[in-house]
Amino acid sequence: MKLKTILATTALAALMASPAFAQQIAVKLGVLNDRSGLYADLTGEGSVVAAKLAVEDFKAAEKGIKVEIVSADHQNKPDVGSNIARQWYDQDGVDVILDVPTSSVALAINQITKDKNKIMLNSGAAASDLTGKACTPNTIHWTYDTYALAQGTGGAMVKAGGDSWFFLTADYAFGHALERDTAAIVTKNGGKVLGAVRTPFPGTDFSSFLLQAQASKAKVIGLANAGGDTINSIKQAGEFGIVAGGQKLAGLLVFVTDVNALGLQTAQGLVLTESFYWDRDEGTRAWSQRFAKAHNGNMPSMVQAGVYSSVLHYLKAVEATKSKDTATVLAKMKELPTDDPLFGKGTVRVDGRKMHDMYLYEVKKPSESKGKWDYYKQIAVLPAEQAFRPLSESECPLVKK
């Protein structure tokens, strides 16, 4: 009996010491976004598909990492999003919250995530404050932000002669941040801001606001909005003949899903800034075709691509540290270089800003397109260090001056 006991104990000890046993880690990921409103097409279920593809491509199960993915609709409301986040963290065992478009929701969950010592990998919200004055050690801002959008679209249009601006601004944190960051680029490059009007969020009728912009005689009307708001304001601008009258529209945040909804006849000529486009190269095309098969034939937005990329890097850090401890994993995520077929090589800075190139695109004319989803032609590449706010200008308390 003693011999059997010794052998059993030895066998158990050997099993516990084996890599397969030692790396049995269970992580729970929560995709929190808009699943029913004006941002549903560019985030929504597509972000869940992207997260699942990341887990599949990483072969998490083969590496001893059990991943569970849950999702919920925050309805673009900070109180709804906050309640879900607290329940996920306190009761449901969620380790990481993903996506979170709508900056007012993201900023609220940013603080809750810090308080609960969990992780938020944000690919959906735009406010650059997430890596600025509101930065925390627990949030990584993955895909884009208002500073980069301003550098790209705003900077390009000023250099092309659009030196007077009027803003239509969604009246919440994202719109305010986008107007602020773009106005700073416009004035820095010698342009002038002639005025701005705050529009209800979400909005449907932009008529009176567009008439004010038209009356301003500004060369550029900056649309500091997104999703359904952008689609509606561009359509209504067409009805008023604003572009035909000589003014230009600057879609400061336009997604490929928006262009798909607008159609090339309406969207042609729009200049926009994105960090990802499905048809950029062989790697993006191959992944996007897989995504489309799993998502009703729809190509991914940059937000959905960002979910994939952030989950992949998170899992790499879990594998490398053999842990899901928040501080340990976050430190490893900032230590390891990022590398995936969608964004290429990059890094995560101390302020939580994921660094990668941004791209300036122009929407094709209908005659230039080879078919559905063939919408962009590339104008320029913005290297990461130019696209994103330099640490020397950061208000983030994590950055040592």
Protein backbone atom coordinates (compact mmCIF):
# COMPACT_ATOMS: atom_id res chain seq x y z
CA MET A 1 0.00 0.00 0.00
CA LYS A 2 2.80 2.35 0.87
CA LEU A 3 4.46 1.67 -2.48
CA LYS A 4 1.17 2.35 -4.34
CA THR A 5 0.73 5.58 -2.40
CA ILE A 6 4.26 6.70 -3.18
CA LEU A 7 3.81 5.87 -6.88
CA ALA A 8 0.46 7.70 -7.03
CA THR A 9 1.90 10.74 -5.28
CA THR A 10 4.90 10.74 -7.62
CA ALA A 11 2.65 10.46 -10.69
CA LEU A 12 0.45 13.35 -9.50
CA ALA A 13 3.50 15.49 -8.80
CA ALA A 14 4.85 14.75 -12.28
CA LEU A 15 1.49 15.65 -13.84
CA MET A 16 1.30 18.93 -11.95
CA ALA A 17 4.82 19.77 -13.04
CA SER A 18 4.09 19.04 -16.72
CA PRO A 19 3.62 22.04 -19.05
CA ALA A 20 0.10 20.98 -20.05
CA PHE A 21 -1.11 20.94 -16.46
CA ALA A 22 0.80 24.01 -15.36
CA GLN A 23 -0.67 26.12 -18.16
CA GLN A 24 -4.35 25.30 -17.56
CA ILE A 25 -5.56 28.88 -17.34
CA ALA A 26 -9.19 29.94 -17.79
CA VAL A 27 -9.84 33.48 -19.03
CA LYS A 28 -13.17 35.17 -19.66
CA LEU A 29 -13.47 37.92 -22.25
CA GLY A 30 -16.43 40.29 -22.45
CA VAL A 31 -17.23 42.07 -25.72
CA LEU A 32 -19.16 45.17 -24.68
CA ASN A 33 -20.48 47.35 -27.50
CA ASP A 34 -23.43 48.68 -29.45
CA ARG A 35 -25.43 45.72 -30.76
CA SER A 36 -28.62 47.51 -31.76
CA GLY A 37 -27.94 51.19 -32.47
CA LEU A 38 -25.99 53.49 -34.76
CA TYR A 39 -22.62 51.77 -34.14
CA ALA A 40 -23.87 48.17 -34.43
CA ASP A 41 -22.55 47.61 -37.97
CA LEU A 42 -19.01 48.73 -37.20
CA THR A 43 -18.85 46.95 -33.81
CA GLY A 44 -21.70 44.68 -32.71
CA GLU A 45 -21.64 40.96 -33.43
CA GLY A 46 -18.71 41.46 -35.81
CA SER A 47 -16.48 42.19 -32.83
CA VAL A 48 -17.51 38.89 -31.25
CA VAL A 49 -16.64 37.12 -34.51
CA ALA A 50 -13.23 38.84 -34.49
CA ALA A 51 -12.54 37.79 -30.89
CA LYS A 52 -13.44 34.18 -31.70
CA LEU A 53 -11.13 34.19 -34.72
CA ALA A 54 -8.27 35.41 -32.51
CA VAL A 55 -8.80 32.59 -30.03
CA GLU A 56 -8.98 30.10 -32.91
CA ASP A 57 -5.85 31.40 -34.63
CA PHE A 58 -3.88 31.48 -31.39
CA LYS A 59 -4.85 27.83 -30.79
CA ALA A 60 -5.53 28.74 -27.18
CA ALA A 61 -6.96 25.35 -26.20
CA GLU A 62 -3.87 23.54 -27.49
CA LYS A 63 -1.73 25.82 -25.33
CA GLY A 64 -3.70 25.09 -22.17
CA ILE A 65 -5.68 28.35 -22.16
CA LYS A 66 -9.44 27.97 -21.87
CA VAL A 67 -11.19 31.05 -23.25
CA GLU A 68 -14.84 31.95 -22.74
CA ILE A 69 -16.36 34.90 -24.63
CA VAL A 70 -19.51 36.72 -23.53
CA SER A 71 -21.13 39.81 -25.04
CA ALA A 72 -23.62 42.54 -24.17
CA ASP A 73 -25.21 45.69 -25.59
CA HIS A 74 -24.33 48.91 -23.74
CA GLN A 75 -26.83 50.84 -25.90
CA ASN A 76 -24.36 53.76 -26.08
CA LYS A 77 -25.37 54.70 -22.52
CA PRO A 78 -22.71 55.16 -19.80
CA ASP A 79 -25.04 53.99 -17.01
CA VAL A 80 -26.00 50.81 -18.87
CA GLY A 81 -22.38 50.08 -19.77
CA SER A 82 -21.22 50.73 -16.20
CA ASN A 83 -23.80 48.37 -14.73
CA ILE A 84 -22.82 45.59 -17.12
CA ALA A 85 -19.12 46.11 -16.42
CA ARG A 86 -19.62 45.94 -12.65
CA GLN A 87 -21.68 42.76 -12.92
CA TRP A 88 -19.16 41.18 -15.26
CA TYR A 89 -16.24 42.01 -12.96
CA ASP A 90 -17.92 41.38 -9.60
CA GLN A 91 -20.21 38.43 -10.29
CA ASP A 92 -19.48 36.84 -13.65
CA GLY A 93 -15.69 36.47 -13.52
CA VAL A 94 -14.87 38.52 -16.61
CA ASP A 95 -11.14 39.26 -16.79
CA VAL A 96 -11.03 41.56 -19.83
CA ILE A 97 -13.56 43.90 -21.43
CA LEU A 98 -13.15 44.40 -25.18
CA ASP A 99 -14.20 46.94 -27.81
CA VAL A 100 -16.41 49.55 -25.98
CA PRO A 101 -17.27 52.12 -28.65
CA THR A 102 -18.89 55.41 -27.54
CA SER A 103 -16.32 57.45 -25.64
CA SER A 104 -18.63 58.44 -22.79
CA VAL A 105 -19.21 54.75 -22.05
CA ALA A 106 -15.53 53.91 -22.49
CA LEU A 107 -14.39 56.64 -20.09
CA ALA A 108 -16.81 55.37 -17.43
CA ILE A 109 -15.66 51.75 -17.83
CA ASN A 110 -12.05 52.91 -17.92
CA GLN A 111 -12.43 54.06 -14.31
CA ILE A 112 -14.39 50.99 -13.19
CA THR A 113 -11.73 48.74 -14.73
CA LYS A 114 -9.04 50.52 -12.75
CA ASP A 115 -11.05 50.32 -9.53
CA LYS A 116 -11.66 46.58 -9.99
CA ASN A 117 -8.06 45.98 -11.17
CA LYS A 118 -9.14 44.29 -14.40
CA ILE A 119 -8.21 44.97 -18.05
CA MET A 120 -9.91 46.95 -20.82
CA LEU A 121 -8.65 46.54 -24.38
CA ASN A 122 -10.46 49.35 -26.15
CA SER A 123 -10.73 49.26 -29.92
CA GLY A 124 -14.04 51.07 -30.40
CA ALA A 125 -13.88 54.43 -28.61
CA ALA A 126 -12.02 57.38 -30.09
CA ALA A 127 -11.39 59.92 -27.31
CA SER A 128 -7.65 60.49 -27.00
CA ASP A 129 -8.20 61.22 -23.30
CA LEU A 130 -8.08 57.45 -22.73
CA THR A 131 -4.30 57.72 -23.08
CA GLY A 132 -4.22 61.35 -21.93
CA LYS A 133 -5.56 62.86 -18.74
CA ALA A 134 -7.88 59.85 -18.14
CA CYS A 135 -5.21 57.17 -18.68
CA THR A 136 -4.87 54.29 -16.24
CA PRO A 137 -2.49 51.31 -16.00
CA ASN A 138 -5.43 49.00 -16.80
CA THR A 139 -6.56 50.27 -20.21
CA ILE A 140 -4.87 49.80 -23.58
CA HIS A 141 -6.25 51.92 -26.43
CA TRP A 142 -5.81 49.80 -29.50
CA THR A 143 -7.06 50.92 -32.89
CA TYR A 144 -7.24 54.70 -33.39
CA ASP A 145 -8.05 57.91 -31.52
CA THR A 146 -9.20 61.47 -32.12
CA TYR A 147 -5.63 62.79 -32.22
CA ALA A 148 -4.71 60.43 -35.08
CA LEU A 149 -7.93 61.21 -36.96
CA ALA A 150 -7.18 64.92 -36.68
CA GLN A 151 -3.60 64.44 -37.83
CA GLY A 152 -4.74 62.41 -40.82
CA THR A 153 -7.96 63.83 -42.25
CA GLY A 154 -7.73 67.28 -40.68
CA GLY A 155 -4.09 67.80 -41.58
CA ALA A 156 -4.55 66.56 -45.15
CA MET A 157 -7.51 68.81 -45.87
CA VAL A 158 -5.81 71.94 -44.51
CA LYS A 159 -2.73 71.23 -46.62
CA ALA A 160 -5.01 70.79 -49.66
CA GLY A 161 -6.36 74.32 -49.17
CA GLY A 162 -9.20 73.73 -46.73
CA ASP A 163 -8.11 76.47 -44.35
CA SER A 164 -11.51 77.51 -42.93
CA TRP A 165 -13.67 75.08 -40.97
CA PHE A 166 -17.11 74.73 -39.42
CA PHE A 167 -17.84 71.70 -37.22
CA LEU A 168 -20.95 69.57 -36.76
CA THR A 169 -20.14 67.92 -33.47
CA ALA A 170 -21.90 65.01 -31.78
CA ASP A 171 -22.71 66.33 -28.33
CA TYR A 172 -20.84 63.89 -26.12
CA ALA A 173 -17.26 63.04 -25.13
CA PHE A 174 -16.20 61.62 -28.50
CA GLY A 175 -17.48 64.52 -30.58
CA HIS A 176 -16.00 67.10 -28.23
CA ALA A 177 -12.60 65.38 -28.30
CA LEU A 178 -12.62 65.06 -32.09
CA GLU A 179 -13.54 68.72 -32.59
CA ARG A 180 -10.88 69.79 -30.05
CA ASP A 181 -8.09 67.71 -31.59
CA THR A 182 -8.99 68.63 -35.19
CA ALA A 183 -9.36 72.34 -34.43
CA ALA A 184 -5.87 72.27 -32.89
CA ILE A 185 -4.42 70.77 -36.10
CA VAL A 186 -6.31 73.26 -38.29
CA THR A 187 -5.02 76.29 -36.38
CA LYS A 188 -1.52 74.83 -36.06
CA ASN A 189 -1.37 74.62 -39.86
CA GLY A 190 -2.54 78.20 -40.33
CA GLY A 191 -6.27 77.56 -40.77
CA LYS A 192 -9.25 79.10 -38.96
CA VAL A 193 -12.29 77.64 -37.24
CA LEU A 194 -15.28 79.81 -38.14
CA GLY A 195 -17.76 78.08 -35.89
CA ALA A 196 -19.26 74.89 -34.55
CA VAL A 197 -22.64 73.50 -33.59
CA ARG A 198 -23.37 70.66 -31.18
CA THR A 199 -25.80 68.07 -32.54
CA PRO A 200 -27.93 65.68 -30.44
CA PHE A 201 -26.56 62.15 -30.04
CA PRO A 202 -27.79 60.07 -31.68
CA GLY A 203 -29.36 62.30 -34.32
CA THR A 204 -31.57 61.86 -37.38
CA ASP A 205 -32.32 65.35 -38.69
CA PHE A 206 -29.21 67.48 -39.33
CA SER A 207 -30.96 70.00 -41.59
CA SER A 208 -30.73 73.11 -39.41
CA PHE A 209 -27.11 72.36 -38.46
CA LEU A 210 -26.08 71.87 -42.09
CA LEU A 211 -27.74 75.15 -43.05
CA GLN A 212 -25.67 76.93 -40.39
CA ALA A 213 -22.53 75.30 -41.74
CA GLN A 214 -23.49 76.26 -45.28
CA ALA A 215 -24.12 79.86 -44.24
CA SER A 216 -20.70 80.07 -42.55
CA LYS A 217 -19.03 79.89 -46.00
CA ALA A 218 -16.34 77.69 -44.45
CA LYS A 219 -14.37 75.76 -47.05
CA VAL A 220 -14.60 72.58 -44.98
CA ILE A 221 -17.48 71.25 -42.90
CA GLY A 222 -15.97 68.91 -40.34
CA LEU A 223 -18.24 66.05 -39.28
CA ALA A 224 -17.17 65.24 -35.74
CA ASN A 225 -19.55 62.30 -35.52
CA ALA A 226 -19.62 58.62 -36.48
CA GLY A 227 -21.70 55.68 -37.65
CA GLY A 228 -25.36 56.41 -38.35
CA ASP A 229 -24.88 60.12 -37.54
CA THR A 230 -22.20 60.43 -40.22
CA ILE A 231 -24.29 58.54 -42.75
CA ASN A 232 -27.34 60.75 -42.14
CA SER A 233 -25.42 64.04 -42.18
CA ILE A 234 -23.62 63.17 -45.45
CA LYS A 235 -26.88 62.13 -47.12
CA GLN A 236 -28.62 65.32 -46.01
CA ALA A 237 -25.66 67.46 -47.06
CA GLY A 238 -26.14 65.99 -50.53
CA GLU A 239 -29.79 66.98 -50.49
CA PHE A 240 -28.80 70.57 -49.71
CA GLY A 241 -26.22 70.62 -52.49
CA ILE A 242 -23.46 71.57 -50.09
CA VAL A 243 -20.63 69.81 -51.93
CA ALA A 244 -22.03 70.89 -55.31
CA GLY A 245 -21.93 74.45 -53.96
CA GLY A 246 -18.16 74.26 -53.42
CA GLN A 247 -17.81 73.34 -49.74
CA LYS A 248 -16.07 70.10 -48.80
CA LEU A 249 -17.17 67.57 -46.22
CA ALA A 250 -14.56 66.17 -43.87
CA GLY A 251 -15.74 62.84 -42.48
CA LEU A 252 -13.44 62.89 -39.48
CA LEU A 253 -14.40 59.34 -38.51
CA VAL A 254 -15.68 57.25 -41.41
CA PHE A 255 -15.70 53.45 -41.44
CA VAL A 256 -15.86 51.09 -44.39
CA THR A 257 -19.28 50.03 -43.12
CA ASP A 258 -20.45 53.65 -43.44
CA VAL A 259 -19.26 53.82 -47.04
CA ASN A 260 -21.05 50.56 -47.73
CA ALA A 261 -24.27 52.04 -46.32
CA LEU A 262 -23.87 55.33 -48.21
CA GLY A 263 -22.90 53.84 -51.56
CA LEU A 264 -20.06 55.14 -53.73
CA GLN A 265 -22.29 57.59 -55.59
CA THR A 266 -22.83 59.52 -52.36
CA ALA A 267 -19.51 58.82 -50.59
CA GLN A 268 -17.10 59.28 -53.53
CA GLY A 269 -14.25 61.69 -52.87
CA LEU A 270 -14.47 61.53 -49.07
CA VAL A 271 -11.04 61.65 -47.46
CA LEU A 272 -10.75 59.57 -44.32
CA THR A 273 -8.24 58.07 -41.90
CA GLU A 274 -8.19 54.42 -40.84
CA SER A 275 -5.70 52.06 -39.23
CA PHE A 276 -7.01 49.03 -41.13
CA TYR A 277 -8.56 48.35 -44.53
CA TRP A 278 -9.52 44.84 -45.54
CA ASP A 279 -7.97 45.10 -49.03
CA ARG A 280 -4.63 46.64 -48.08
CA ASP A 281 -2.44 43.56 -48.61
CA GLU A 282 -2.48 39.77 -48.81
CA GLY A 283 -2.59 39.33 -45.04
CA THR A 284 -5.55 41.66 -44.52
CA ARG A 285 -7.41 40.15 -47.48
CA ALA A 286 -6.98 36.55 -46.33
CA TRP A 287 -8.20 37.29 -42.79
CA SER A 288 -11.06 39.50 -43.98
CA GLN A 289 -12.37 36.79 -46.29
CA ARG A 290 -12.54 34.42 -43.31
CA PHE A 291 -14.26 37.11 -41.26
CA ALA A 292 -16.81 37.73 -44.03
CA LYS A 293 -17.69 34.04 -44.23
CA ALA A 294 -18.48 34.11 -40.51
CA HIS A 295 -20.32 37.44 -40.63
CA ASN A 296 -22.90 37.37 -43.39
CA GLY A 297 -20.50 38.43 -46.12
CA ASN A 298 -19.60 41.73 -44.44
CA MET A 299 -16.02 42.93 -44.46
CA PRO A 300 -14.54 44.00 -41.11
CA SER A 301 -14.28 47.55 -39.83
CA MET A 302 -11.05 48.74 -38.24
CA VAL A 303 -12.74 48.41 -34.83
CA GLN A 304 -13.47 44.73 -35.41
CA ALA A 305 -9.93 44.21 -36.69
CA GLY A 306 -8.68 45.90 -33.51
CA VAL A 307 -10.61 43.43 -31.36
CA TYR A 308 -8.87 40.55 -33.13
CA SER A 309 -5.44 42.12 -32.78
CA SER A 310 -5.86 43.02 -29.10
CA VAL A 311 -7.14 39.57 -28.11
CA LEU A 312 -4.25 37.92 -29.95
CA HIS A 313 -1.69 40.03 -28.08
CA TYR A 314 -3.42 39.48 -24.75
CA LEU A 315 -3.31 35.71 -25.22
CA LYS A 316 0.38 35.89 -26.15
CA ALA A 317 1.03 37.66 -22.83
CA VAL A 318 -1.00 35.09 -20.89
CA GLU A 319 0.97 32.28 -22.51
CA ALA A 320 4.32 34.01 -21.92
CA THR A 321 3.62 34.69 -18.23
CA LYS A 322 1.62 31.50 -17.58
CA SER A 323 -0.71 33.77 -15.65
CA LYS A 324 -3.80 35.93 -15.97
CA ASP A 325 -2.81 38.24 -13.11
CA THR A 326 -3.71 41.75 -14.25
CA ALA A 327 -0.45 43.55 -13.49
CA THR A 328 1.68 40.67 -14.78
CA VAL A 329 -0.17 40.37 -18.08
CA LEU A 330 -0.34 44.13 -18.70
CA ALA A 331 3.38 44.47 -18.08
CA LYS A 332 4.08 41.68 -20.56
CA MET A 333 1.74 43.23 -23.15
CA LYS A 334 3.76 46.45 -22.95
CA GLU A 335 7.05 44.55 -23.03
CA LEU A 336 6.30 42.29 -26.00
CA PRO A 337 6.22 43.84 -29.49
CA THR A 338 2.87 43.46 -31.23
CA ASP A 339 2.77 41.60 -34.54
CA ASP A 340 -0.21 40.34 -36.52
CA PRO A 341 -1.32 40.24 -40.17
CA LEU A 342 -3.84 43.06 -39.73
CA PHE A 343 -1.71 45.84 -38.23
CA GLY A 344 1.81 44.53 -38.72
CA LYS A 345 4.48 45.23 -36.14
CA GLY A 346 3.93 47.67 -33.29
CA THR A 347 4.27 48.35 -29.60
CA VAL A 348 2.18 49.31 -26.58
CA ARG A 349 3.43 52.47 -24.89
CA VAL A 350 3.54 53.23 -21.19
CA ASP A 351 0.40 55.39 -21.52
CA GLY A 352 -1.50 52.45 -22.99
CA ARG A 353 -1.41 53.71 -26.59
CA LYS A 354 -1.02 50.89 -29.14
CA MET A 355 1.37 52.20 -31.80
CA HIS A 356 0.99 51.36 -35.49
CA ASP A 357 0.78 53.24 -38.78
CA MET A 358 -2.40 55.02 -39.86
CA TYR A 359 -3.54 55.40 -43.46
CA LEU A 360 -5.15 58.23 -45.39
CA TYR A 361 -7.70 57.02 -47.94
CA GLU A 362 -10.01 58.55 -50.51
CA VAL A 363 -13.30 56.89 -51.38
CA LYS A 364 -13.34 55.70 -54.99
CA LYS A 365 -15.69 56.88 -57.69
CA PRO A 366 -18.21 54.23 -58.77
CA SER A 367 -16.31 53.84 -62.05
CA GLU A 368 -13.08 53.02 -60.14
CA SER A 369 -14.56 50.23 -58.02
CA LYS A 370 -14.30 46.61 -59.07
CA GLY A 371 -17.22 45.54 -56.90
CA LYS A 372 -18.80 45.54 -53.48
CA TRP A 373 -16.42 46.50 -50.65
CA ASP A 374 -13.80 47.80 -53.13
CA TYR A 375 -14.10 51.33 -51.81
CA TYR A 376 -10.74 52.93 -50.94
CA LYS A 377 -7.63 54.15 -52.67
CA GLN A 378 -4.66 54.93 -50.45
CA ILE A 379 -3.35 58.51 -50.44
CA ALA A 380 -0.69 58.42 -47.74
CA VAL A 381 0.77 56.50 -44.82
CA LEU A 382 1.08 58.22 -41.45
CA PRO A 383 3.90 56.58 -39.47
CA ALA A 384 2.86 55.76 -35.91
CA GLU A 385 5.12 58.38 -34.35
CA GLN A 386 3.48 61.09 -36.47
CA ALA A 387 -0.06 59.80 -36.19
CA PHE A 388 -0.35 59.57 -32.41
CA ARG A 389 0.24 62.17 -29.72
CA PRO A 390 3.90 62.21 -28.63
CA LEU A 391 4.61 61.31 -25.03
CA SER A 392 6.25 64.71 -24.60
CA GLU A 393 2.78 66.28 -24.97
CA SER A 394 0.98 63.71 -22.84
CA GLU A 395 -1.16 64.55 -19.80
CA CYS A 396 -1.12 60.89 -18.75
CA PRO A 397 0.10 60.59 -15.14
CA LEU A 398 1.91 57.35 -16.03
CA VAL A 399 4.32 59.27 -18.27
CA LYS A 400 7.37 60.59 -16.48
CA LYS A 401 8.35 64.04 -17.69
